[in-house]
Amino acid sequence: MKPFIDAFTSHPASVNESYVEHLGSACSFAFPMIGAGFACLLHGLFPFLFVTTGSSTIRGLHERMVVNRVRQKNEAPAGTA
């Protein structure tokens, strides 16, 4: 049973989150990505719509996921990063 539970908890623990916290974080990325994907589809059909939505969504999510994570590690007190 432990390997089954570990499949759901090992990755969230590796990023200092519980399973539920990780689910919330993943959803906070998934929904904007789905919306941006839909906007890109509509942009393909109607080039005058959503001209920068896809790229601005990617930049914002990258900022949250990568840049802020690096910034937080660099700002963490000694011995906690």
C-alpha atoms as a PDB file:
ATOM      1  CA  MET A   1       0.000   0.000   0.000  1.00  0.00           C
ATOM      2  CA  LYS A   2       2.882   2.379   0.756  1.00  0.00           C
ATOM      3  CA  PRO A   3       4.189   2.414  -2.851  1.00  0.00           C
ATOM      4  CA  PHE A   4       0.682   3.393  -3.986  1.00  0.00           C
ATOM      5  CA  ILE A   5       0.533   6.298  -1.518  1.00  0.00           C
ATOM      6  CA  ASP A   6       4.102   7.322  -2.369  1.00  0.00           C
ATOM      7  CA  ALA A   7       3.076   7.660  -6.015  1.00  0.00           C
ATOM      8  CA  PHE A   8       0.751  10.485  -4.953  1.00  0.00           C
ATOM      9  CA  THR A   9       2.915  12.146  -2.325  1.00  0.00           C
ATOM     10  CA  SER A  10       6.590  11.899  -3.322  1.00  0.00           C
ATOM     11  CA  HIS A  11       6.604  14.592  -6.011  1.00  0.00           C
ATOM     12  CA  PRO A  12       4.502  17.094  -4.015  1.00  0.00           C
ATOM     13  CA  ALA A  13       6.829  16.542  -1.058  1.00  0.00           C
ATOM     14  CA  SER A  14       9.839  17.218  -3.301  1.00  0.00           C
ATOM     15  CA  VAL A  15       8.498  20.747  -3.891  1.00  0.00           C
ATOM     16  CA  ASN A  16       7.502  21.226  -0.233  1.00  0.00           C
ATOM     17  CA  GLU A  17       3.760  20.832  -0.808  1.00  0.00           C
ATOM     18  CA  SER A  18       1.100  18.474   0.431  1.00  0.00           C
ATOM     19  CA  TYR A  19      -0.924  16.518  -2.113  1.00  0.00           C
ATOM     20  CA  VAL A  20      -3.835  18.981  -1.821  1.00  0.00           C
ATOM     21  CA  GLU A  21      -1.534  22.034  -2.061  1.00  0.00           C
ATOM     22  CA  HIS A  22       0.092  20.541  -5.152  1.00  0.00           C
ATOM     23  CA  LEU A  23      -3.304  19.839  -6.702  1.00  0.00           C
ATOM     24  CA  GLY A  24      -4.301  23.462  -6.147  1.00  0.00           C
ATOM     25  CA  SER A  25      -1.045  24.734  -7.591  1.00  0.00           C
ATOM     26  CA  ALA A  26      -1.359  22.478 -10.633  1.00  0.00           C
ATOM     27  CA  CYS A  27      -4.924  23.673 -11.208  1.00  0.00           C
ATOM     28  CA  SER A  28      -3.791  27.286 -10.936  1.00  0.00           C
ATOM     29  CA  PHE A  29      -1.520  26.563 -13.924  1.00  0.00           C
ATOM     30  CA  ALA A  30      -3.880  24.262 -15.814  1.00  0.00           C
ATOM     31  CA  PHE A  31      -6.845  26.609 -16.089  1.00  0.00           C
ATOM     32  CA  PRO A  32      -4.880  29.559 -17.532  1.00  0.00           C
ATOM     33  CA  MET A  33      -3.170  27.148 -19.945  1.00  0.00           C
ATOM     34  CA  ILE A  34      -6.511  25.764 -21.102  1.00  0.00           C
ATOM     35  CA  GLY A  35      -7.860  29.291 -21.530  1.00  0.00           C
ATOM     36  CA  ALA A  36      -4.773  30.398 -23.447  1.00  0.00           C
ATOM     37  CA  GLY A  37      -4.980  27.307 -25.640  1.00  0.00           C
ATOM     38  CA  PHE A  38      -8.573  28.120 -26.492  1.00  0.00           C
ATOM     39  CA  ALA A  39      -7.563  31.727 -27.202  1.00  0.00           C
ATOM     40  CA  CYS A  40      -4.798  30.477 -29.520  1.00  0.00           C
ATOM     41  CA  LEU A  41      -7.288  28.294 -31.368  1.00  0.00           C
ATOM     42  CA  LEU A  42      -9.617  31.251 -31.817  1.00  0.00           C
ATOM     43  CA  HIS A  43      -6.660  33.426 -32.857  1.00  0.00           C
ATOM     44  CA  GLY A  44      -5.848  30.904 -35.579  1.00  0.00           C
ATOM     45  CA  LEU A  45      -9.388  31.210 -36.922  1.00  0.00           C
ATOM     46  CA  PHE A  46      -9.709  34.957 -36.336  1.00  0.00           C
ATOM     47  CA  PRO A  47      -6.204  36.494 -36.415  1.00  0.00           C
ATOM     48  CA  PHE A  48      -7.446  39.815 -35.047  1.00  0.00           C
ATOM     49  CA  LEU A  49      -8.547  38.197 -31.750  1.00  0.00           C
ATOM     50  CA  PHE A  50      -6.288  37.314 -28.789  1.00  0.00           C
ATOM     51  CA  VAL A  51      -3.129  38.546 -30.520  1.00  0.00           C
ATOM     52  CA  THR A  52      -0.930  38.344 -27.396  1.00  0.00           C
ATOM     53  CA  THR A  53      -2.953  36.113 -25.051  1.00  0.00           C
ATOM     54  CA  GLY A  54      -0.958  32.909 -25.575  1.00  0.00           C
ATOM     55  CA  SER A  55       2.469  34.483 -25.248  1.00  0.00           C
ATOM     56  CA  SER A  56       1.523  36.670 -22.290  1.00  0.00           C
ATOM     57  CA  THR A  57       0.032  33.670 -20.485  1.00  0.00           C
ATOM     58  CA  ILE A  58       3.215  31.662 -21.066  1.00  0.00           C
ATOM     59  CA  ARG A  59       5.373  34.534 -19.786  1.00  0.00           C
ATOM     60  CA  GLY A  60       3.226  34.923 -16.671  1.00  0.00           C
ATOM     61  CA  LEU A  61       3.225  31.215 -15.880  1.00  0.00           C
ATOM     62  CA  HIS A  62       6.979  31.003 -16.478  1.00  0.00           C
ATOM     63  CA  GLU A  63       7.446  33.920 -14.084  1.00  0.00           C
ATOM     64  CA  ARG A  64       5.429  32.123 -11.414  1.00  0.00           C
ATOM     65  CA  MET A  65       6.952  28.692 -11.915  1.00  0.00           C
ATOM     66  CA  VAL A  66      10.619  29.341 -12.643  1.00  0.00           C
ATOM     67  CA  VAL A  67      11.690  32.894 -11.919  1.00  0.00           C
ATOM     68  CA  ASN A  68       9.839  33.261  -8.613  1.00  0.00           C
ATOM     69  CA  ARG A  69      11.003  29.828  -7.429  1.00  0.00           C
ATOM     70  CA  VAL A  70      14.634  30.808  -8.095  1.00  0.00           C
ATOM     71  CA  ARG A  71      14.060  34.190  -6.434  1.00  0.00           C
ATOM     72  CA  GLN A  72      12.514  32.525  -3.350  1.00  0.00           C
ATOM     73  CA  LYS A  73      15.440  30.126  -3.036  1.00  0.00           C
ATOM     74  CA  ASN A  74      17.884  33.016  -3.263  1.00  0.00           C
ATOM     75  CA  GLU A  75      15.968  35.037  -0.647  1.00  0.00           C
ATOM     76  CA  ALA A  76      15.580  32.119   1.803  1.00  0.00           C
ATOM     77  CA  PRO A  77      17.498  32.423   5.078  1.00  0.00           C
ATOM     78  CA  ALA A  78      20.698  30.401   5.305  1.00  0.00           C
ATOM     79  CA  GLY A  79      20.095  26.703   5.878  1.00  0.00           C
ATOM     80  CA  THR A  80      16.468  26.679   4.618  1.00  0.00           C
ATOM     81  CA  ALA A  81      16.925  26.536   0.843  1.00  0.00           C
END
